[in-house]
Amino acid sequence: MATYEYLCSRCGPFDVKLTIGTAPTVYGCPVCAGTARRVYTSPGLTLTSHTVAALHEQEEQSRDAPAVVSEVPPHRAVPPRPHPALSRLPRP
């Protein structure tokens, strides 16, 4: 479902939730039953945090121009961590 915005000349703007791609250019106003025309607005991208927007931008750039590497990155040795439950066992 997508939210579409319509503008009634008498009542003002209102939103309608319809399935994607089925929004007509003219819709009946829920208050006065008059005809309201569809208003094209930008999607609500301002609700996205800066971090998420930056990651989305990075993903889009890598889709168009992926980073090319000449060799496999070196394997970093991760020191093994003992299971936390093992530290509570009695010692001999």
PDB file of N, CA and C in Angstrom:
ATOM      1  N   MET A   1       0.844  -1.178   0.000  1.00  0.00           N
ATOM      2  CA  MET A   1       0.000   0.000   0.000  1.00  0.00           C
ATOM      3  C   MET A   1       0.893   1.246   0.000  1.00  0.00           C
ATOM      4  N   ALA A   2       0.454   2.214  -0.758  1.00  0.00           N
ATOM      5  CA  ALA A   2       1.167   3.480  -0.838  1.00  0.00           C
ATOM      6  C   ALA A   2       0.209   4.597  -0.441  1.00  0.00           C
ATOM      7  N   THR A   3       0.761   5.683   0.060  1.00  0.00           N
ATOM      8  CA  THR A   3      -0.034   6.836   0.438  1.00  0.00           C
ATOM      9  C   THR A   3       0.041   7.874  -0.670  1.00  0.00           C
ATOM     10  N   TYR A   4      -1.127   8.248  -1.185  1.00  0.00           N
ATOM     11  CA  TYR A   4      -1.213   9.250  -2.242  1.00  0.00           C
ATOM     12  C   TYR A   4      -1.901  10.486  -1.680  1.00  0.00           C
ATOM     13  N   GLU A   5      -1.447  11.642  -2.124  1.00  0.00           N
ATOM     14  CA  GLU A   5      -1.999  12.905  -1.641  1.00  0.00           C
ATOM     15  C   GLU A   5      -2.886  13.515  -2.720  1.00  0.00           C
ATOM     16  N   TYR A   6      -4.053  13.962  -2.283  1.00  0.00           N
ATOM     17  CA  TYR A   6      -5.010  14.625  -3.170  1.00  0.00           C
ATOM     18  C   TYR A   6      -5.346  15.992  -2.593  1.00  0.00           C
ATOM     19  N   LEU A   7      -5.765  16.905  -3.475  1.00  0.00           N
ATOM     20  CA  LEU A   7      -6.093  18.259  -3.053  1.00  0.00           C
ATOM     21  C   LEU A   7      -7.506  18.593  -3.524  1.00  0.00           C
ATOM     22  N   CYS A   8      -8.379  18.820  -2.540  1.00  0.00           N
ATOM     23  CA  CYS A   8      -9.754  19.233  -2.823  1.00  0.00           C
ATOM     24  C   CYS A   8      -9.780  20.764  -2.844  1.00  0.00           C
ATOM     25  N   SER A   9     -10.475  21.355  -3.811  1.00  0.00           N
ATOM     26  CA  SER A   9     -10.511  22.817  -3.913  1.00  0.00           C
ATOM     27  C   SER A   9     -11.292  23.449  -2.764  1.00  0.00           C
ATOM     28  N   ARG A  10     -12.189  22.688  -2.142  1.00  0.00           N
ATOM     29  CA  ARG A  10     -12.979  23.228  -1.023  1.00  0.00           C
ATOM     30  C   ARG A  10     -12.422  22.849   0.344  1.00  0.00           C
ATOM     31  N   CYS A  11     -11.981  21.606   0.497  1.00  0.00           N
ATOM     32  CA  CYS A  11     -11.600  21.099   1.827  1.00  0.00           C
ATOM     33  C   CYS A  11     -10.095  21.087   2.086  1.00  0.00           C
ATOM     34  N   GLY A  12      -9.299  21.133   1.045  1.00  0.00           N
ATOM     35  CA  GLY A  12      -7.851  21.106   1.235  1.00  0.00           C
ATOM     36  C   GLY A  12      -7.261  19.728   0.972  1.00  0.00           C
ATOM     37  N   PRO A  13      -6.002  19.516   1.392  1.00  0.00           N
ATOM     38  CA  PRO A  13      -5.323  18.253   1.094  1.00  0.00           C
ATOM     39  C   PRO A  13      -5.785  17.109   1.999  1.00  0.00           C
ATOM     40  N   PHE A  14      -5.725  15.897   1.451  1.00  0.00           N
ATOM     41  CA  PHE A  14      -5.990  14.684   2.238  1.00  0.00           C
ATOM     42  C   PHE A  14      -5.208  13.541   1.615  1.00  0.00           C
ATOM     43  N   ASP A  15      -4.957  12.508   2.401  1.00  0.00           N
ATOM     44  CA  ASP A  15      -4.184  11.352   1.970  1.00  0.00           C
ATOM     45  C   ASP A  15      -5.093  10.149   1.793  1.00  0.00           C
ATOM     46  N   VAL A  16      -4.732   9.305   0.834  1.00  0.00           N
ATOM     47  CA  VAL A  16      -5.475   8.076   0.557  1.00  0.00           C
ATOM     48  C   VAL A  16      -4.471   6.945   0.412  1.00  0.00           C
ATOM     49  N   LYS A  17      -4.736   5.815   1.055  1.00  0.00           N
ATOM     50  CA  LYS A  17      -3.872   4.643   0.924  1.00  0.00           C
ATOM     51  C   LYS A  17      -4.483   3.715  -0.120  1.00  0.00           C
ATOM     52  N   LEU A  18      -3.708   3.468  -1.187  1.00  0.00           N
ATOM     53  CA  LEU A  18      -4.132   2.601  -2.281  1.00  0.00           C
ATOM     54  C   LEU A  18      -2.993   1.674  -2.646  1.00  0.00           C
ATOM     55  N   THR A  19      -3.314   0.615  -3.364  1.00  0.00           N
ATOM     56  CA  THR A  19      -2.240  -0.263  -3.815  1.00  0.00           C
ATOM     57  C   THR A  19      -1.377   0.486  -4.830  1.00  0.00           C
ATOM     58  N   ILE A  20      -0.131   0.116  -4.905  1.00  0.00           N
ATOM     59  CA  ILE A  20       0.832   0.830  -5.739  1.00  0.00           C
ATOM     60  C   ILE A  20       0.424   0.742  -7.203  1.00  0.00           C
ATOM     61  N   GLY A  21       0.426   1.891  -7.863  1.00  0.00           N
ATOM     62  CA  GLY A  21       0.123   1.961  -9.275  1.00  0.00           C
ATOM     63  C   GLY A  21      -1.349   2.061  -9.624  1.00  0.00           C
ATOM     64  N   THR A  22      -2.229   2.128  -8.634  1.00  0.00           N
ATOM     65  CA  THR A  22      -3.662   2.180  -8.925  1.00  0.00           C
ATOM     66  C   THR A  22      -4.279   3.529  -8.605  1.00  0.00           C
ATOM     67  N   ALA A  23      -3.480   4.533  -8.300  1.00  0.00           N
ATOM     68  CA  ALA A  23      -4.018   5.839  -7.916  1.00  0.00           C
ATOM     69  C   ALA A  23      -4.544   6.585  -9.131  1.00  0.00           C
ATOM     70  N   PRO A  24      -5.818   6.963  -9.124  1.00  0.00           N
ATOM     71  CA  PRO A  24      -6.355   7.742 -10.245  1.00  0.00           C
ATOM     72  C   PRO A  24      -5.929   9.202 -10.134  1.00  0.00           C
ATOM     73  N   THR A  25      -6.037   9.939 -11.231  1.00  0.00           N
ATOM     74  CA  THR A  25      -5.662  11.350 -11.203  1.00  0.00           C
ATOM     75  C   THR A  25      -6.712  12.193 -10.484  1.00  0.00           C
ATOM     76  N   VAL A  26      -7.951  11.698 -10.420  1.00  0.00           N
ATOM     77  CA  VAL A  26      -9.022  12.399  -9.724  1.00  0.00           C
ATOM     78  C   VAL A  26      -9.649  11.423  -8.730  1.00  0.00           C
ATOM     79  N   TYR A  27      -9.944  11.911  -7.523  1.00  0.00           N
ATOM     80  CA  TYR A  27     -10.480  11.058  -6.464  1.00  0.00           C
ATOM     81  C   TYR A  27     -11.568  11.837  -5.731  1.00  0.00           C
ATOM     82  N   GLY A  28     -12.545  11.146  -5.199  1.00  0.00           N
ATOM     83  CA  GLY A  28     -13.624  11.804  -4.471  1.00  0.00           C
ATOM     84  C   GLY A  28     -13.186  12.229  -3.083  1.00  0.00           C
ATOM     85  N   CYS A  29     -13.512  13.466  -2.711  1.00  0.00           N
ATOM     86  CA  CYS A  29     -13.153  13.988  -1.393  1.00  0.00           C
ATOM     87  C   CYS A  29     -13.996  13.276  -0.330  1.00  0.00           C
ATOM     88  N   PRO A  30     -13.383  12.808   0.766  1.00  0.00           N
ATOM     89  CA  PRO A  30     -14.143  12.108   1.803  1.00  0.00           C
ATOM     90  C   PRO A  30     -15.043  13.038   2.619  1.00  0.00           C
ATOM     91  N   VAL A  31     -14.828  14.358   2.569  1.00  0.00           N
ATOM     92  CA  VAL A  31     -15.616  15.303   3.360  1.00  0.00           C
ATOM     93  C   VAL A  31     -16.812  15.824   2.567  1.00  0.00           C
ATOM     94  N   CYS A  32     -16.530  16.382   1.384  1.00  0.00           N
ATOM     95  CA  CYS A  32     -17.606  17.022   0.623  1.00  0.00           C
ATOM     96  C   CYS A  32     -18.041  16.219  -0.599  1.00  0.00           C
ATOM     97  N   ALA A  33     -17.394  15.106  -0.897  1.00  0.00           N
ATOM     98  CA  ALA A  33     -17.695  14.235  -2.034  1.00  0.00           C
ATOM     99  C   ALA A  33     -17.440  14.919  -3.374  1.00  0.00           C
ATOM    100  N   GLY A  34     -16.713  16.028  -3.378  1.00  0.00           N
ATOM    101  CA  GLY A  34     -16.333  16.690  -4.626  1.00  0.00           C
ATOM    102  C   GLY A  34     -15.125  16.008  -5.234  1.00  0.00           C
ATOM    103  N   THR A  35     -14.715  16.444  -6.399  1.00  0.00           N
ATOM    104  CA  THR A  35     -13.543  15.847  -7.036  1.00  0.00           C
ATOM    105  C   THR A  35     -12.278  16.555  -6.559  1.00  0.00           C
ATOM    106  N   ALA A  36     -11.278  15.753  -6.303  1.00  0.00           N
ATOM    107  CA  ALA A  36      -9.979  16.270  -5.867  1.00  0.00           C
ATOM    108  C   ALA A  36      -8.919  15.744  -6.820  1.00  0.00           C
ATOM    109  N   ARG A  37      -7.973  16.584  -7.165  1.00  0.00           N
ATOM    110  CA  ARG A  37      -6.914  16.160  -8.081  1.00  0.00           C
ATOM    111  C   ARG A  37      -5.716  15.658  -7.294  1.00  0.00           C
ATOM    112  N   ARG A  38      -4.986  14.748  -7.915  1.00  0.00           N
ATOM    113  CA  ARG A  38      -3.816  14.154  -7.276  1.00  0.00           C
ATOM    114  C   ARG A  38      -2.667  15.145  -7.274  1.00  0.00           C
ATOM    115  N   VAL A  39      -1.969  15.230  -6.156  1.00  0.00           N
ATOM    116  CA  VAL A  39      -0.810  16.096  -6.007  1.00  0.00           C
ATOM    117  C   VAL A  39       0.418  15.196  -5.953  1.00  0.00           C
ATOM    118  N   TYR A  40       1.390  15.474  -6.796  1.00  0.00           N
ATOM    119  CA  TYR A  40       2.614  14.676  -6.820  1.00  0.00           C
ATOM    120  C   TYR A  40       3.626  15.294  -5.863  1.00  0.00           C
ATOM    121  N   THR A  41       4.033  14.520  -4.882  1.00  0.00           N
ATOM    122  CA  THR A  41       4.977  14.989  -3.877  1.00  0.00           C
ATOM    123  C   THR A  41       6.169  14.033  -3.818  1.00  0.00           C
ATOM    124  N   SER A  42       7.226  14.496  -3.205  1.00  0.00           N
ATOM    125  CA  SER A  42       8.397  13.644  -3.040  1.00  0.00           C
ATOM    126  C   SER A  42       8.137  12.640  -1.924  1.00  0.00           C
ATOM    127  N   PRO A  43       8.776  11.476  -1.972  1.00  0.00           N
ATOM    128  CA  PRO A  43       8.578  10.495  -0.912  1.00  0.00           C
ATOM    129  C   PRO A  43       9.170  10.993   0.398  1.00  0.00           C
ATOM    130  N   GLY A  44       8.750  10.403   1.483  1.00  0.00           N
ATOM    131  CA  GLY A  44       9.200  10.824   2.814  1.00  0.00           C
ATOM    132  C   GLY A  44      10.607  10.360   3.130  1.00  0.00           C
ATOM    133  N   LEU A  45      11.581  10.911   2.454  1.00  0.00           N
ATOM    134  CA  LEU A  45      12.965  10.510   2.685  1.00  0.00           C
ATOM    135  C   LEU A  45      13.584  11.223   3.876  1.00  0.00           C
ATOM    136  N   THR A  46      12.935  12.253   4.385  1.00  0.00           N
ATOM    137  CA  THR A  46      13.511  12.984   5.504  1.00  0.00           C
ATOM    138  C   THR A  46      13.438  12.182   6.796  1.00  0.00           C
ATOM    139  N   LEU A  47      12.643  11.129   6.829  1.00  0.00           N
ATOM    140  CA  LEU A  47      12.544  10.311   8.027  1.00  0.00           C
ATOM    141  C   LEU A  47      13.719   9.352   8.157  1.00  0.00           C
ATOM    142  N   THR A  48      14.520   9.232   7.109  1.00  0.00           N
ATOM    143  CA  THR A  48      15.669   8.346   7.127  1.00  0.00           C
ATOM    144  C   THR A  48      16.809   9.015   7.884  1.00  0.00           C
ATOM    145  N   SER A  49      17.445   8.253   8.771  1.00  0.00           N
ATOM    146  CA  SER A  49      18.565   8.812   9.517  1.00  0.00           C
ATOM    147  C   SER A  49      19.750   9.044   8.578  1.00  0.00           C
ATOM    148  N   HIS A  50      20.679   9.888   9.011  1.00  0.00           N
ATOM    149  CA  HIS A  50      21.847  10.213   8.197  1.00  0.00           C
ATOM    150  C   HIS A  50      22.675   8.964   7.914  1.00  0.00           C
ATOM    151  N   THR A  51      22.820   8.090   8.905  1.00  0.00           N
ATOM    152  CA  THR A  51      23.619   6.879   8.737  1.00  0.00           C
ATOM    153  C   THR A  51      22.998   5.957   7.699  1.00  0.00           C
ATOM    154  N   VAL A  52      21.695   5.764   7.789  1.00  0.00           N
ATOM    155  CA  VAL A  52      21.013   4.887   6.836  1.00  0.00           C
ATOM    156  C   VAL A  52      21.067   5.482   5.437  1.00  0.00           C
ATOM    157  N   ALA A  53      20.895   6.793   5.326  1.00  0.00           N
ATOM    158  CA  ALA A  53      20.967   7.448   4.018  1.00  0.00           C
ATOM    159  C   ALA A  53      22.364   7.300   3.415  1.00  0.00           C
ATOM    160  N   ALA A  54      23.414   7.432   4.238  1.00  0.00           N
ATOM    161  CA  ALA A  54      24.785   7.284   3.746  1.00  0.00           C
ATOM    162  C   ALA A  54      25.048   5.848   3.292  1.00  0.00           C
ATOM    163  N   LEU A  55      24.552   4.866   4.036  1.00  0.00           N
ATOM    164  CA  LEU A  55      24.723   3.476   3.634  1.00  0.00           C
ATOM    165  C   LEU A  55      23.957   3.176   2.346  1.00  0.00           C
ATOM    166  N   HIS A  56      22.777   3.752   2.216  1.00  0.00           N
ATOM    167  CA  HIS A  56      22.002   3.571   0.995  1.00  0.00           C
ATOM    168  C   HIS A  56      22.730   4.176  -0.204  1.00  0.00           C
ATOM    169  N   GLU A  57      23.299   5.341  -0.022  1.00  0.00           N
ATOM    170  CA  GLU A  57      24.059   5.990  -1.093  1.00  0.00           C
ATOM    171  C   GLU A  57      25.282   5.164  -1.472  1.00  0.00           C
ATOM    172  N   GLN A  58      25.973   4.607  -0.472  1.00  0.00           N
ATOM    173  CA  GLN A  58      27.146   3.774  -0.731  1.00  0.00           C
ATOM    174  C   GLN A  58      26.749   2.511  -1.496  1.00  0.00           C
ATOM    175  N   GLU A  59      25.606   1.935  -1.141  1.00  0.00           N
ATOM    176  CA  GLU A  59      25.132   0.736  -1.824  1.00  0.00           C
ATOM    177  C   GLU A  59      24.797   1.048  -3.280  1.00  0.00           C
ATOM    178  N   GLU A  60      24.175   2.182  -3.526  1.00  0.00           N
ATOM    179  CA  GLU A  60      23.838   2.560  -4.890  1.00  0.00           C
ATOM    180  C   GLU A  60      25.099   2.812  -5.725  1.00  0.00           C
ATOM    181  N   GLN A  61      26.109   3.430  -5.132  1.00  0.00           N
ATOM    182  CA  GLN A  61      27.356   3.680  -5.859  1.00  0.00           C
ATOM    183  C   GLN A  61      28.073   2.376  -6.175  1.00  0.00           C
ATOM    184  N   SER A  62      28.063   1.423  -5.240  1.00  0.00           N
ATOM    185  CA  SER A  62      28.740   0.159  -5.490  1.00  0.00           C
ATOM    186  C   SER A  62      27.998  -0.673  -6.528  1.00  0.00           C
ATOM    187  N   ARG A  63      26.698  -0.432  -6.685  1.00  0.00           N
ATOM    188  CA  ARG A  63      25.943  -1.142  -7.712  1.00  0.00           C
ATOM    189  C   ARG A  63      26.356  -0.661  -9.098  1.00  0.00           C
ATOM    190  N   ASP A  64      26.552   0.643  -9.245  1.00  0.00           N
ATOM    191  CA  ASP A  64      26.908   1.202 -10.546  1.00  0.00           C
ATOM    192  C   ASP A  64      28.395   1.072 -10.865  1.00  0.00           C
ATOM    193  N   ALA A  65      29.244   1.268  -9.877  1.00  0.00           N
ATOM    194  CA  ALA A  65      30.693   1.198 -10.078  1.00  0.00           C
ATOM    195  C   ALA A  65      31.315   0.443  -8.905  1.00  0.00           C
ATOM    196  N   PRO A  66      31.283  -0.892  -8.946  1.00  0.00           N
ATOM    197  CA  PRO A  66      31.819  -1.654  -7.820  1.00  0.00           C
ATOM    198  C   PRO A  66      33.328  -1.484  -7.682  1.00  0.00           C
ATOM    199  N   ALA A  67      33.791  -1.567  -6.454  1.00  0.00           N
ATOM    200  CA  ALA A  67      35.227  -1.464  -6.196  1.00  0.00           C
ATOM    201  C   ALA A  67      35.912  -2.719  -6.732  1.00  0.00           C
ATOM    202  N   VAL A  68      36.982  -2.516  -7.492  1.00  0.00           N
ATOM    203  CA  VAL A  68      37.716  -3.623  -8.081  1.00  0.00           C
ATOM    204  C   VAL A  68      38.958  -3.866  -7.237  1.00  0.00           C
ATOM    205  N   VAL A  69      39.168  -5.118  -6.855  1.00  0.00           N
ATOM    206  CA  VAL A  69      40.338  -5.471  -6.056  1.00  0.00           C
ATOM    207  C   VAL A  69      41.252  -6.355  -6.891  1.00  0.00           C
ATOM    208  N   SER A  70      42.553  -6.287  -6.614  1.00  0.00           N
ATOM    209  CA  SER A  70      43.506  -7.071  -7.386  1.00  0.00           C
ATOM    210  C   SER A  70      43.902  -8.361  -6.674  1.00  0.00           C
ATOM    211  N   GLU A  71      43.600  -8.458  -5.391  1.00  0.00           N
ATOM    212  CA  GLU A  71      43.930  -9.673  -4.653  1.00  0.00           C
ATOM    213  C   GLU A  71      42.974  -9.838  -3.479  1.00  0.00           C
ATOM    214  N   VAL A  72      42.975 -11.021  -2.939  1.00  0.00           N
ATOM    215  CA  VAL A  72      42.128 -11.317  -1.802  1.00  0.00           C
ATOM    216  C   VAL A  72      42.728 -10.641  -0.565  1.00  0.00           C
ATOM    217  N   PRO A  73      41.922  -9.972   0.245  1.00  0.00           N
ATOM    218  CA  PRO A  73      42.466  -9.330   1.438  1.00  0.00           C
ATOM    219  C   PRO A  73      43.077 -10.358   2.379  1.00  0.00           C
ATOM    220  N   PRO A  74      44.121  -9.963   3.115  1.00  0.00           N
ATOM    221  CA  PRO A  74      44.762 -10.919   4.022  1.00  0.00           C
ATOM    222  C   PRO A  74      43.803 -11.322   5.142  1.00  0.00           C
ATOM    223  N   HIS A  75      43.959 -12.550   5.566  1.00  0.00           N
ATOM    224  CA  HIS A  75      43.127 -13.080   6.647  1.00  0.00           C
ATOM    225  C   HIS A  75      43.641 -12.553   7.980  1.00  0.00           C
ATOM    226  N   ARG A  76      42.756 -11.935   8.721  1.00  0.00           N
ATOM    227  CA  ARG A  76      43.143 -11.437  10.041  1.00  0.00           C
ATOM    228  C   ARG A  76      42.846 -12.503  11.083  1.00  0.00           C
ATOM    229  N   ALA A  77      43.846 -12.819  11.845  1.00  0.00           N
ATOM    230  CA  ALA A  77      43.663 -13.828  12.891  1.00  0.00           C
ATOM    231  C   ALA A  77      42.884 -13.213  14.049  1.00  0.00           C
ATOM    232  N   VAL A  78      41.806 -13.840  14.403  1.00  0.00           N
ATOM    233  CA  VAL A  78      40.996 -13.388  15.521  1.00  0.00           C
ATOM    234  C   VAL A  78      41.325 -14.267  16.704  1.00  0.00           C
ATOM    235  N   PRO A  79      41.767 -13.664  17.810  1.00  0.00           N
ATOM    236  CA  PRO A  79      42.108 -14.504  18.962  1.00  0.00           C
ATOM    237  C   PRO A  79      40.857 -15.215  19.473  1.00  0.00           C
ATOM    238  N   PRO A  80      40.981 -16.503  19.776  1.00  0.00           N
ATOM    239  CA  PRO A  80      39.819 -17.244  20.258  1.00  0.00           C
ATOM    240  C   PRO A  80      39.395 -16.747  21.641  1.00  0.00           C
ATOM    241  N   ARG A  81      38.130 -16.588  21.815  1.00  0.00           N
ATOM    242  CA  ARG A  81      37.601 -16.174  23.115  1.00  0.00           C
ATOM    243  C   ARG A  81      36.974 -17.385  23.781  1.00  0.00           C
ATOM    244  N   PRO A  82      37.331 -17.623  25.017  1.00  0.00           N
ATOM    245  CA  PRO A  82      36.702 -18.759  25.709  1.00  0.00           C
ATOM    246  C   PRO A  82      35.228 -18.455  25.960  1.00  0.00           C
ATOM    247  N   HIS A  83      34.462 -19.496  25.989  1.00  0.00           N
ATOM    248  CA  HIS A  83      33.039 -19.346  26.261  1.00  0.00           C
ATOM    249  C   HIS A  83      32.866 -18.773  27.671  1.00  0.00           C
ATOM    250  N   PRO A  84      31.967 -17.798  27.887  1.00  0.00           N
ATOM    251  CA  PRO A  84      31.809 -17.185  29.206  1.00  0.00           C
ATOM    252  C   PRO A  84      31.430 -18.174  30.302  1.00  0.00           C
ATOM    253  N   ALA A  85      30.742 -19.231  29.943  1.00  0.00           N
ATOM    254  CA  ALA A  85      30.338 -20.209  30.957  1.00  0.00           C
ATOM    255  C   ALA A  85      31.541 -20.983  31.489  1.00  0.00           C
ATOM    256  N   LEU A  86      32.611 -21.083  30.699  1.00  0.00           N
ATOM    257  CA  LEU A  86      33.783 -21.834  31.143  1.00  0.00           C
ATOM    258  C   LEU A  86      34.498 -21.135  32.297  1.00  0.00           C
ATOM    259  N   SER A  87      34.398 -19.828  32.401  1.00  0.00           N
ATOM    260  CA  SER A  87      35.092 -19.132  33.494  1.00  0.00           C
ATOM    261  C   SER A  87      34.431 -19.394  34.848  1.00  0.00           C
ATOM    262  N   ARG A  88      33.208 -19.879  34.863  1.00  0.00           N
ATOM    263  CA  ARG A  88      32.519 -20.159  36.143  1.00  0.00           C
ATOM    264  C   ARG A  88      32.701 -21.597  36.613  1.00  0.00           C
ATOM    265  N   LEU A  89      33.341 -22.415  35.809  1.00  0.00           N
ATOM    266  CA  LEU A  89      33.550 -23.803  36.227  1.00  0.00           C
ATOM    267  C   LEU A  89      34.634 -23.866  37.304  1.00  0.00           C
ATOM    268  N   PRO A  90      34.550 -24.839  38.197  1.00  0.00           N
ATOM    269  CA  PRO A  90      35.582 -24.944  39.246  1.00  0.00           C
ATOM    270  C   PRO A  90      36.921 -25.350  38.654  1.00  0.00           C
ATOM    271  N   ARG A  91      37.983 -24.763  39.197  1.00  0.00           N
ATOM    272  CA  ARG A  91      39.332 -25.060  38.758  1.00  0.00           C
ATOM    273  C   ARG A  91      39.913 -26.190  39.607  1.00  0.00           C
ATOM    274  N   PRO A  92      40.717 -27.073  38.982  1.00  0.00           N
ATOM    275  CA  PRO A  92      41.322 -28.183  39.781  1.00  0.00           C
ATOM    276  C   PRO A  92      42.430 -27.670  40.686  1.00  0.00           C
TER     277      PRO A  92
END
